[in-house]
Protein backbone atom coordinates (compact mmCIF):
# COMPACT_ATOMS: atom_id res chain seq x y z
CA MET A 1 0.00 0.00 0.00
CA ASP A 2 1.26 3.48 -0.88
CA THR A 3 1.18 5.91 2.05
CA LEU A 4 1.38 9.67 1.86
CA SER A 5 3.13 11.86 4.38
CA TYR A 6 1.55 15.24 5.05
CA LYS A 7 3.64 17.92 6.64
CA THR A 8 2.62 21.43 7.64
CA LYS A 9 5.07 24.04 6.39
CA SER A 10 5.75 27.02 8.62
CA ALA A 11 7.07 30.34 7.35
CA ASN A 12 10.37 31.56 8.70
CA LYS A 13 12.74 34.42 7.85
CA ALA A 14 14.33 32.45 5.00
CA THR A 15 11.06 31.48 3.28
CA VAL A 16 8.76 34.44 3.85
CA ASN A 17 8.34 36.99 1.05
CA LYS A 18 7.51 40.43 2.47
CA GLU A 19 6.26 42.93 -0.06
CA TRP A 20 3.40 45.39 -0.31
CA VAL A 21 0.50 44.81 -2.67
CA LEU A 22 -1.53 47.80 -3.87
CA VAL A 23 -5.21 47.06 -4.56
CA ASP A 24 -7.52 49.62 -6.18
CA ALA A 25 -10.82 49.26 -4.30
CA ASP A 26 -12.56 52.29 -5.79
CA GLY A 27 -16.32 51.67 -5.94
CA GLN A 28 -16.14 48.06 -4.74
CA THR A 29 -17.73 46.37 -1.74
CA LEU A 30 -15.27 45.18 0.91
CA GLY A 31 -16.56 41.59 1.01
CA ARG A 32 -16.44 41.13 -2.78
CA LEU A 33 -12.99 42.68 -2.96
CA ALA A 34 -11.69 40.49 -0.12
CA SER A 35 -12.84 37.34 -1.90
CA LYS A 36 -10.77 38.32 -4.95
CA VAL A 37 -7.65 39.11 -2.95
């Protein structure tokens, strides 16, 4: 039988990518915009 191993990956300083994302939310509802982001 083939078994799979699942492992939770945690972010650390070496793997995290910190950058800002600019989203134009002009005229959009917060909930609808949040589902797209």
